[in-house]
Amino acid sequence: MMHLLHVFLLIVCLMCALGVVTSQHKARTLFQALESELEHARHLEAEFGKLQLELSTWATSPRIEKIAREKLKMYTPGPARIRMATQRTNPQ
């Protein structure tokens, strides 16, 4: 009877040990996945910053004016061709 109890306790102890090893392995695997995703997030943040800088470069006024002059053949009118628009007020 005592021998059966020892075998039972040994099996329970082995199952607990296997559970600990399995949970540690799973925790390490999840931690590695987390680190990989954090590295990917840092890479995306850096790329986003570069894209924002590029966008601000493409949208500068001198660049837009240059494209308007060269590609669209637009120009700034002379002072004689400029008309001021004013809003009339209605007397009540």
PDB file of N, CA and C in Angstrom:
ATOM      1  N   MET A   1       0.833  -1.192   0.000  1.00  0.00           N
ATOM      2  CA  MET A   1       0.000   0.000   0.000  1.00  0.00           C
ATOM      3  C   MET A   1       0.874   1.251   0.000  1.00  0.00           C
ATOM      4  N   MET A   2       1.918   1.271   0.820  1.00  0.00           N
ATOM      5  CA  MET A   2       2.814   2.420   0.899  1.00  0.00           C
ATOM      6  C   MET A   2       3.584   2.575  -0.409  1.00  0.00           C
ATOM      7  N   HIS A   3       3.896   1.448  -1.027  1.00  0.00           N
ATOM      8  CA  HIS A   3       4.613   1.469  -2.294  1.00  0.00           C
ATOM      9  C   HIS A   3       3.745   2.128  -3.378  1.00  0.00           C
ATOM     10  N   LEU A   4       2.471   1.867  -3.390  1.00  0.00           N
ATOM     11  CA  LEU A   4       1.534   2.455  -4.342  1.00  0.00           C
ATOM     12  C   LEU A   4       1.428   3.977  -4.136  1.00  0.00           C
ATOM     13  N   LEU A   5       1.441   4.396  -2.894  1.00  0.00           N
ATOM     14  CA  LEU A   5       1.398   5.833  -2.579  1.00  0.00           C
ATOM     15  C   LEU A   5       2.655   6.523  -3.094  1.00  0.00           C
ATOM     16  N   HIS A   6       3.808   5.901  -2.939  1.00  0.00           N
ATOM     17  CA  HIS A   6       5.068   6.492  -3.412  1.00  0.00           C
ATOM     18  C   HIS A   6       5.054   6.617  -4.939  1.00  0.00           C
ATOM     19  N   VAL A   7       4.572   5.608  -5.626  1.00  0.00           N
ATOM     20  CA  VAL A   7       4.481   5.653  -7.084  1.00  0.00           C
ATOM     21  C   VAL A   7       3.518   6.761  -7.512  1.00  0.00           C
ATOM     22  N   PHE A   8       2.406   6.864  -6.829  1.00  0.00           N
ATOM     23  CA  PHE A   8       1.427   7.916  -7.145  1.00  0.00           C
ATOM     24  C   PHE A   8       2.041   9.302  -6.930  1.00  0.00           C
ATOM     25  N   LEU A   9       2.730   9.500  -5.825  1.00  0.00           N
ATOM     26  CA  LEU A   9       3.354  10.796  -5.544  1.00  0.00           C
ATOM     27  C   LEU A   9       4.463  11.100  -6.549  1.00  0.00           C
ATOM     28  N   LEU A  10       5.193  10.075  -6.961  1.00  0.00           N
ATOM     29  CA  LEU A  10       6.246  10.260  -7.963  1.00  0.00           C
ATOM     30  C   LEU A  10       5.638  10.708  -9.299  1.00  0.00           C
ATOM     31  N   ILE A  11       4.542  10.093  -9.696  1.00  0.00           N
ATOM     32  CA  ILE A  11       3.872  10.475 -10.947  1.00  0.00           C
ATOM     33  C   ILE A  11       3.341  11.907 -10.862  1.00  0.00           C
ATOM     34  N   VAL A  12       2.750  12.269  -9.730  1.00  0.00           N
ATOM     35  CA  VAL A  12       2.251  13.642  -9.537  1.00  0.00           C
ATOM     36  C   VAL A  12       3.406  14.633  -9.597  1.00  0.00           C
ATOM     37  N   CYS A  13       4.531  14.273  -8.954  1.00  0.00           N
ATOM     38  CA  CYS A  13       5.711  15.148  -8.943  1.00  0.00           C
ATOM     39  C   CYS A  13       6.256  15.330 -10.362  1.00  0.00           C
ATOM     40  N   LEU A  14       6.322  14.263 -11.148  1.00  0.00           N
ATOM     41  CA  LEU A  14       6.798  14.346 -12.528  1.00  0.00           C
ATOM     42  C   LEU A  14       5.859  15.195 -13.387  1.00  0.00           C
ATOM     43  N   MET A  15       4.566  15.035 -13.174  1.00  0.00           N
ATOM     44  CA  MET A  15       3.604  15.838 -13.931  1.00  0.00           C
ATOM     45  C   MET A  15       3.752  17.323 -13.595  1.00  0.00           C
ATOM     46  N   CYS A  16       3.968  17.626 -12.328  1.00  0.00           N
ATOM     47  CA  CYS A  16       4.173  19.029 -11.935  1.00  0.00           C
ATOM     48  C   CYS A  16       5.451  19.577 -12.554  1.00  0.00           C
ATOM     49  N   ALA A  17       6.510  18.771 -12.559  1.00  0.00           N
ATOM     50  CA  ALA A  17       7.782  19.209 -13.152  1.00  0.00           C
ATOM     51  C   ALA A  17       7.612  19.467 -14.644  1.00  0.00           C
ATOM     52  N   LEU A  18       6.916  18.581 -15.339  1.00  0.00           N
ATOM     53  CA  LEU A  18       6.659  18.783 -16.763  1.00  0.00           C
ATOM     54  C   LEU A  18       5.809  20.033 -17.003  1.00  0.00           C
ATOM     55  N   GLY A  19       4.863  20.283 -16.118  1.00  0.00           N
ATOM     56  CA  GLY A  19       4.046  21.495 -16.230  1.00  0.00           C
ATOM     57  C   GLY A  19       4.886  22.752 -16.074  1.00  0.00           C
ATOM     58  N   VAL A  20       5.827  22.726 -15.127  1.00  0.00           N
ATOM     59  CA  VAL A  20       6.705  23.883 -14.914  1.00  0.00           C
ATOM     60  C   VAL A  20       7.577  24.113 -16.138  1.00  0.00           C
ATOM     61  N   VAL A  21       8.164  23.042 -16.666  1.00  0.00           N
ATOM     62  CA  VAL A  21       9.028  23.167 -17.838  1.00  0.00           C
ATOM     63  C   VAL A  21       8.226  23.681 -19.039  1.00  0.00           C
ATOM     64  N   THR A  22       7.040  23.158 -19.227  1.00  0.00           N
ATOM     65  CA  THR A  22       6.200  23.590 -20.342  1.00  0.00           C
ATOM     66  C   THR A  22       5.813  25.059 -20.213  1.00  0.00           C
ATOM     67  N   SER A  23       5.437  25.467 -19.019  1.00  0.00           N
ATOM     68  CA  SER A  23       5.029  26.866 -18.834  1.00  0.00           C
ATOM     69  C   SER A  23       6.213  27.813 -19.004  1.00  0.00           C
ATOM     70  N   GLN A  24       7.398  27.416 -18.549  1.00  0.00           N
ATOM     71  CA  GLN A  24       8.583  28.261 -18.743  1.00  0.00           C
ATOM     72  C   GLN A  24       8.918  28.383 -20.227  1.00  0.00           C
ATOM     73  N   HIS A  25       8.816  27.276 -20.947  1.00  0.00           N
ATOM     74  CA  HIS A  25       9.093  27.312 -22.383  1.00  0.00           C
ATOM     75  C   HIS A  25       8.098  28.226 -23.102  1.00  0.00           C
ATOM     76  N   LYS A  26       6.835  28.113 -22.734  1.00  0.00           N
ATOM     77  CA  LYS A  26       5.809  28.960 -23.358  1.00  0.00           C
ATOM     78  C   LYS A  26       6.059  30.433 -23.024  1.00  0.00           C
ATOM     79  N   ALA A  27       6.446  30.715 -21.783  1.00  0.00           N
ATOM     80  CA  ALA A  27       6.725  32.094 -21.387  1.00  0.00           C
ATOM     81  C   ALA A  27       7.905  32.652 -22.179  1.00  0.00           C
ATOM     82  N   ARG A  28       8.946  31.853 -22.370  1.00  0.00           N
ATOM     83  CA  ARG A  28      10.099  32.315 -23.153  1.00  0.00           C
ATOM     84  C   ARG A  28       9.715  32.556 -24.602  1.00  0.00           C
ATOM     85  N   THR A  29       8.922  31.659 -25.155  1.00  0.00           N
ATOM     86  CA  THR A  29       8.472  31.813 -26.541  1.00  0.00           C
ATOM     87  C   THR A  29       7.647  33.093 -26.701  1.00  0.00           C
ATOM     88  N   LEU A  30       6.743  33.337 -25.774  1.00  0.00           N
ATOM     89  CA  LEU A  30       5.921  34.549 -25.837  1.00  0.00           C
ATOM     90  C   LEU A  30       6.770  35.808 -25.653  1.00  0.00           C
ATOM     91  N   PHE A  31       7.780  35.742 -24.789  1.00  0.00           N
ATOM     92  CA  PHE A  31       8.655  36.893 -24.572  1.00  0.00           C
ATOM     93  C   PHE A  31       9.449  37.195 -25.844  1.00  0.00           C
ATOM     94  N   GLN A  32       9.936  36.151 -26.516  1.00  0.00           N
ATOM     95  CA  GLN A  32      10.654  36.363 -27.774  1.00  0.00           C
ATOM     96  C   GLN A  32       9.739  36.976 -28.830  1.00  0.00           C
ATOM     97  N   ALA A  33       8.501  36.522 -28.890  1.00  0.00           N
ATOM     98  CA  ALA A  33       7.543  37.097 -29.837  1.00  0.00           C
ATOM     99  C   ALA A  33       7.272  38.564 -29.508  1.00  0.00           C
ATOM    100  N   LEU A  34       7.153  38.869 -28.222  1.00  0.00           N
ATOM    101  CA  LEU A  34       6.940  40.252 -27.796  1.00  0.00           C
ATOM    102  C   LEU A  34       8.115  41.132 -28.206  1.00  0.00           C
ATOM    103  N   GLU A  35       9.337  40.662 -27.960  1.00  0.00           N
ATOM    104  CA  GLU A  35      10.521  41.435 -28.331  1.00  0.00           C
ATOM    105  C   GLU A  35      10.574  41.658 -29.843  1.00  0.00           C
ATOM    106  N   SER A  36      10.212  40.650 -30.601  1.00  0.00           N
ATOM    107  CA  SER A  36      10.202  40.776 -32.059  1.00  0.00           C
ATOM    108  C   SER A  36       9.184  41.824 -32.504  1.00  0.00           C
ATOM    109  N   GLU A  37       8.004  41.801 -31.902  1.00  0.00           N
ATOM    110  CA  GLU A  37       6.969  42.783 -32.257  1.00  0.00           C
ATOM    111  C   GLU A  37       7.366  44.194 -31.833  1.00  0.00           C
ATOM    112  N   LEU A  38       8.027  44.331 -30.698  1.00  0.00           N
ATOM    113  CA  LEU A  38       8.487  45.654 -30.260  1.00  0.00           C
ATOM    114  C   LEU A  38       9.540  46.192 -31.219  1.00  0.00           C
ATOM    115  N   GLU A  39      10.431  45.326 -31.681  1.00  0.00           N
ATOM    116  CA  GLU A  39      11.446  45.739 -32.657  1.00  0.00           C
ATOM    117  C   GLU A  39      10.772  46.174 -33.959  1.00  0.00           C
ATOM    118  N   HIS A  40       9.768  45.435 -34.375  1.00  0.00           N
ATOM    119  CA  HIS A  40       9.021  45.795 -35.585  1.00  0.00           C
ATOM    120  C   HIS A  40       8.311  47.143 -35.399  1.00  0.00           C
ATOM    121  N   ALA A  41       7.758  47.376 -34.217  1.00  0.00           N
ATOM    122  CA  ALA A  41       7.089  48.654 -33.934  1.00  0.00           C
ATOM    123  C   ALA A  41       8.090  49.809 -33.974  1.00  0.00           C
ATOM    124  N   ARG A  42       9.298  49.594 -33.424  1.00  0.00           N
ATOM    125  CA  ARG A  42      10.329  50.644 -33.478  1.00  0.00           C
ATOM    126  C   ARG A  42      10.715  50.942 -34.926  1.00  0.00           C
ATOM    127  N   HIS A  43      10.812  49.901 -35.734  1.00  0.00           N
ATOM    128  CA  HIS A  43      11.146  50.083 -37.144  1.00  0.00           C
ATOM    129  C   HIS A  43      10.048  50.888 -37.847  1.00  0.00           C
ATOM    130  N   LEU A  44       8.791  50.557 -37.567  1.00  0.00           N
ATOM    131  CA  LEU A  44       7.677  51.283 -38.185  1.00  0.00           C
ATOM    132  C   LEU A  44       7.639  52.736 -37.737  1.00  0.00           C
ATOM    133  N   GLU A  45       7.954  53.001 -36.470  1.00  0.00           N
ATOM    134  CA  GLU A  45       7.986  54.387 -35.987  1.00  0.00           C
ATOM    135  C   GLU A  45       9.065  55.184 -36.699  1.00  0.00           C
ATOM    136  N   ALA A  46      10.222  54.579 -36.892  1.00  0.00           N
ATOM    137  CA  ALA A  46      11.308  55.262 -37.599  1.00  0.00           C
ATOM    138  C   ALA A  46      10.910  55.537 -39.048  1.00  0.00           C
ATOM    139  N   GLU A  47      10.297  54.569 -39.684  1.00  0.00           N
ATOM    140  CA  GLU A  47       9.852  54.751 -41.068  1.00  0.00           C
ATOM    141  C   GLU A  47       8.774  55.829 -41.153  1.00  0.00           C
ATOM    142  N   PHE A  48       7.871  55.858 -40.180  1.00  0.00           N
ATOM    143  CA  PHE A  48       6.824  56.880 -40.155  1.00  0.00           C
ATOM    144  C   PHE A  48       7.438  58.270 -40.024  1.00  0.00           C
ATOM    145  N   GLY A  49       8.441  58.408 -39.176  1.00  0.00           N
ATOM    146  CA  GLY A  49       9.128  59.692 -39.038  1.00  0.00           C
ATOM    147  C   GLY A  49       9.777  60.133 -40.337  1.00  0.00           C
ATOM    148  N   LYS A  50      10.409  59.179 -41.035  1.00  0.00           N
ATOM    149  CA  LYS A  50      11.027  59.509 -42.322  1.00  0.00           C
ATOM    150  C   LYS A  50       9.973  59.942 -43.335  1.00  0.00           C
ATOM    151  N   LEU A  51       8.839  59.248 -43.335  1.00  0.00           N
ATOM    152  CA  LEU A  51       7.773  59.609 -44.273  1.00  0.00           C
ATOM    153  C   LEU A  51       7.185  60.983 -43.959  1.00  0.00           C
ATOM    154  N   GLN A  52       7.058  61.312 -42.679  1.00  0.00           N
ATOM    155  CA  GLN A  52       6.553  62.644 -42.317  1.00  0.00           C
ATOM    156  C   GLN A  52       7.527  63.723 -42.776  1.00  0.00           C
ATOM    157  N   LEU A  53       8.828  63.464 -42.609  1.00  0.00           N
ATOM    158  CA  LEU A  53       9.836  64.421 -43.059  1.00  0.00           C
ATOM    159  C   LEU A  53       9.781  64.577 -44.575  1.00  0.00           C
ATOM    160  N   GLU A  54       9.640  63.472 -45.280  1.00  0.00           N
ATOM    161  CA  GLU A  54       9.544  63.526 -46.737  1.00  0.00           C
ATOM    162  C   GLU A  54       8.296  64.287 -47.174  1.00  0.00           C
ATOM    163  N   LEU A  55       7.188  64.049 -46.484  1.00  0.00           N
ATOM    164  CA  LEU A  55       5.954  64.753 -46.815  1.00  0.00           C
ATOM    165  C   LEU A  55       6.109  66.251 -46.620  1.00  0.00           C
ATOM    166  N   SER A  56       6.738  66.650 -45.520  1.00  0.00           N
ATOM    167  CA  SER A  56       6.914  68.086 -45.283  1.00  0.00           C
ATOM    168  C   SER A  56       7.847  68.696 -46.322  1.00  0.00           C
ATOM    169  N   THR A  57       8.800  67.910 -46.825  1.00  0.00           N
ATOM    170  CA  THR A  57       9.693  68.409 -47.869  1.00  0.00           C
ATOM    171  C   THR A  57       8.942  68.589 -49.183  1.00  0.00           C
ATOM    172  N   TRP A  58       8.090  67.634 -49.518  1.00  0.00           N
ATOM    173  CA  TRP A  58       7.350  67.703 -50.781  1.00  0.00           C
ATOM    174  C   TRP A  58       6.299  68.814 -50.771  1.00  0.00           C
ATOM    175  N   ALA A  59       5.843  69.216 -49.619  1.00  0.00           N
ATOM    176  CA  ALA A  59       4.757  70.190 -49.545  1.00  0.00           C
ATOM    177  C   ALA A  59       5.237  71.608 -49.236  1.00  0.00           C
ATOM    178  N   THR A  60       6.524  71.899 -49.424  1.00  0.00           N
ATOM    179  CA  THR A  60       7.011  73.253 -49.135  1.00  0.00           C
ATOM    180  C   THR A  60       6.539  74.234 -50.203  1.00  0.00           C
ATOM    181  N   SER A  61       6.346  75.467 -49.807  1.00  0.00           N
ATOM    182  CA  SER A  61       5.865  76.501 -50.735  1.00  0.00           C
ATOM    183  C   SER A  61       6.808  76.719 -51.919  1.00  0.00           C
ATOM    184  N   PRO A  62       8.125  76.803 -51.702  1.00  0.00           N
ATOM    185  CA  PRO A  62       9.000  77.009 -52.866  1.00  0.00           C
ATOM    186  C   PRO A  62       8.902  75.873 -53.888  1.00  0.00           C
ATOM    187  N   ARG A  63       8.746  74.661 -53.438  1.00  0.00           N
ATOM    188  CA  ARG A  63       8.629  73.533 -54.372  1.00  0.00           C
ATOM    189  C   ARG A  63       7.328  73.630 -55.161  1.00  0.00           C
ATOM    190  N   ILE A  64       6.233  73.949 -54.470  1.00  0.00           N
ATOM    191  CA  ILE A  64       4.943  74.086 -55.151  1.00  0.00           C
ATOM    192  C   ILE A  64       5.001  75.227 -56.159  1.00  0.00           C
ATOM    193  N   GLU A  65       5.630  76.337 -55.776  1.00  0.00           N
ATOM    194  CA  GLU A  65       5.750  77.466 -56.701  1.00  0.00           C
ATOM    195  C   GLU A  65       6.597  77.098 -57.915  1.00  0.00           C
ATOM    196  N   LYS A  66       7.650  76.340 -57.708  1.00  0.00           N
ATOM    197  CA  LYS A  66       8.516  75.917 -58.812  1.00  0.00           C
ATOM    198  C   LYS A  66       7.745  75.031 -59.784  1.00  0.00           C
ATOM    199  N   ILE A  67       6.980  74.083 -59.261  1.00  0.00           N
ATOM    200  CA  ILE A  67       6.173  73.213 -60.125  1.00  0.00           C
ATOM    201  C   ILE A  67       5.136  74.031 -60.881  1.00  0.00           C
ATOM    202  N   ALA A  68       4.503  75.001 -60.199  1.00  0.00           N
ATOM    203  CA  ALA A  68       3.500  75.845 -60.859  1.00  0.00           C
ATOM    204  C   ALA A  68       4.127  76.627 -62.002  1.00  0.00           C
ATOM    205  N   ARG A  69       5.337  77.131 -61.806  1.00  0.00           N
ATOM    206  CA  ARG A  69       6.002  77.898 -62.865  1.00  0.00           C
ATOM    207  C   ARG A  69       6.465  76.999 -64.018  1.00  0.00           C
ATOM    208  N   GLU A  70       7.125  75.876 -63.683  1.00  0.00           N
ATOM    209  CA  GLU A  70       7.740  75.054 -64.716  1.00  0.00           C
ATOM    210  C   GLU A  70       6.741  74.162 -65.447  1.00  0.00           C
ATOM    211  N   LYS A  71       5.932  73.439 -64.711  1.00  0.00           N
ATOM    212  CA  LYS A  71       5.051  72.455 -65.349  1.00  0.00           C
ATOM    213  C   LYS A  71       3.713  73.050 -65.783  1.00  0.00           C
ATOM    214  N   LEU A  72       3.170  73.939 -64.979  1.00  0.00           N
ATOM    215  CA  LEU A  72       1.850  74.494 -65.282  1.00  0.00           C
ATOM    216  C   LEU A  72       1.915  75.850 -65.969  1.00  0.00           C
ATOM    217  N   LYS A  73       3.135  76.370 -66.132  1.00  0.00           N
ATOM    218  CA  LYS A  73       3.348  77.668 -66.799  1.00  0.00           C
ATOM    219  C   LYS A  73       2.551  78.781 -66.134  1.00  0.00           C
ATOM    220  N   MET A  74       2.488  78.749 -64.813  1.00  0.00           N
ATOM    221  CA  MET A  74       1.792  79.794 -64.067  1.00  0.00           C
ATOM    222  C   MET A  74       2.806  80.859 -63.649  1.00  0.00           C
ATOM    223  N   TYR A  75       2.339  82.053 -63.427  1.00  0.00           N
ATOM    224  CA  TYR A  75       3.210  83.138 -62.991  1.00  0.00           C
ATOM    225  C   TYR A  75       2.434  84.091 -62.104  1.00  0.00           C
ATOM    226  N   THR A  76       3.156  84.902 -61.387  1.00  0.00           N
ATOM    227  CA  THR A  76       2.541  85.909 -60.527  1.00  0.00           C
ATOM    228  C   THR A  76       2.204  87.120 -61.400  1.00  0.00           C
ATOM    229  N   PRO A  77       0.973  87.591 -61.378  1.00  0.00           N
ATOM    230  CA  PRO A  77       0.615  88.741 -62.222  1.00  0.00           C
ATOM    231  C   PRO A  77       1.285  90.017 -61.709  1.00  0.00           C
ATOM    232  N   GLY A  78       1.470  90.929 -62.619  1.00  0.00           N
ATOM    233  CA  GLY A  78       2.059  92.214 -62.255  1.00  0.00           C
ATOM    234  C   GLY A  78       1.080  93.053 -61.445  1.00  0.00           C
ATOM    235  N   PRO A  79       1.579  94.121 -60.826  1.00  0.00           N
ATOM    236  CA  PRO A  79       0.717  94.961 -59.988  1.00  0.00           C
ATOM    237  C   PRO A  79      -0.480  95.543 -60.747  1.00  0.00           C
ATOM    238  N   ALA A  80      -0.344  95.790 -62.027  1.00  0.00           N
ATOM    239  CA  ALA A  80      -1.438  96.376 -62.800  1.00  0.00           C
ATOM    240  C   ALA A  80      -2.578  95.377 -63.003  1.00  0.00           C
ATOM    241  N   ARG A  81      -2.303  94.125 -62.919  1.00  0.00           N
ATOM    242  CA  ARG A  81      -3.321  93.098 -63.167  1.00  0.00           C
ATOM    243  C   ARG A  81      -3.972  92.588 -61.877  1.00  0.00           C
ATOM    244  N   ILE A  82      -3.523  93.066 -60.747  1.00  0.00           N
ATOM    245  CA  ILE A  82      -4.082  92.609 -59.473  1.00  0.00           C
ATOM    246  C   ILE A  82      -5.290  93.461 -59.119  1.00  0.00           C
ATOM    247  N   ARG A  83      -6.380  92.837 -58.775  1.00  0.00           N
ATOM    248  CA  ARG A  83      -7.604  93.524 -58.365  1.00  0.00           C
ATOM    249  C   ARG A  83      -7.932  93.085 -56.943  1.00  0.00           C
ATOM    250  N   MET A  84      -8.331  94.011 -56.137  1.00  0.00           N
ATOM    251  CA  MET A  84      -8.709  93.712 -54.758  1.00  0.00           C
ATOM    252  C   MET A  84     -10.215  93.531 -54.704  1.00  0.00           C
ATOM    253  N   ALA A  85     -10.655  92.479 -54.082  1.00  0.00           N
ATOM    254  CA  ALA A  85     -12.083  92.237 -53.897  1.00  0.00           C
ATOM    255  C   ALA A  85     -12.452  92.681 -52.512  1.00  0.00           C
ATOM    256  N   THR A  86     -13.488  93.464 -52.407  1.00  0.00           N
ATOM    257  CA  THR A  86     -13.954  93.943 -51.113  1.00  0.00           C
ATOM    258  C   THR A  86     -15.421  93.545 -50.947  1.00  0.00           C
ATOM    259  N   GLN A  87     -15.817  93.436 -49.724  1.00  0.00           N
ATOM    260  CA  GLN A  87     -17.198  93.076 -49.427  1.00  0.00           C
ATOM    261  C   GLN A  87     -17.980  94.351 -49.138  1.00  0.00           C
ATOM    262  N   ARG A  88     -19.103  94.484 -49.808  1.00  0.00           N
ATOM    263  CA  ARG A  88     -19.942  95.650 -49.570  1.00  0.00           C
ATOM    264  C   ARG A  88     -20.797  95.391 -48.335  1.00  0.00           C
ATOM    265  N   THR A  89     -20.964  96.414 -47.541  1.00  0.00           N
ATOM    266  CA  THR A  89     -21.831  96.283 -46.378  1.00  0.00           C
ATOM    267  C   THR A  89     -23.201  96.877 -46.731  1.00  0.00           C
ATOM    268  N   ASN A  90     -24.242  96.214 -46.313  1.00  0.00           N
ATOM    269  CA  ASN A  90     -25.613  96.685 -46.572  1.00  0.00           C
ATOM    270  C   ASN A  90     -26.063  97.584 -45.433  1.00  0.00           C
ATOM    271  N   PRO A  91     -26.406  98.843 -45.755  1.00  0.00           N
ATOM    272  CA  PRO A  91     -26.916  99.733 -44.684  1.00  0.00           C
ATOM    273  C   PRO A  91     -28.319  99.306 -44.284  1.00  0.00           C
ATOM    274  N   GLN A  92     -28.581  99.352 -43.016  1.00  0.00           N
ATOM    275  CA  GLN A  92     -29.895  98.924 -42.533  1.00  0.00           C
ATOM    276  C   GLN A  92     -30.686 100.070 -41.988  1.00  0.00           C
TER     277      GLN A  92
END
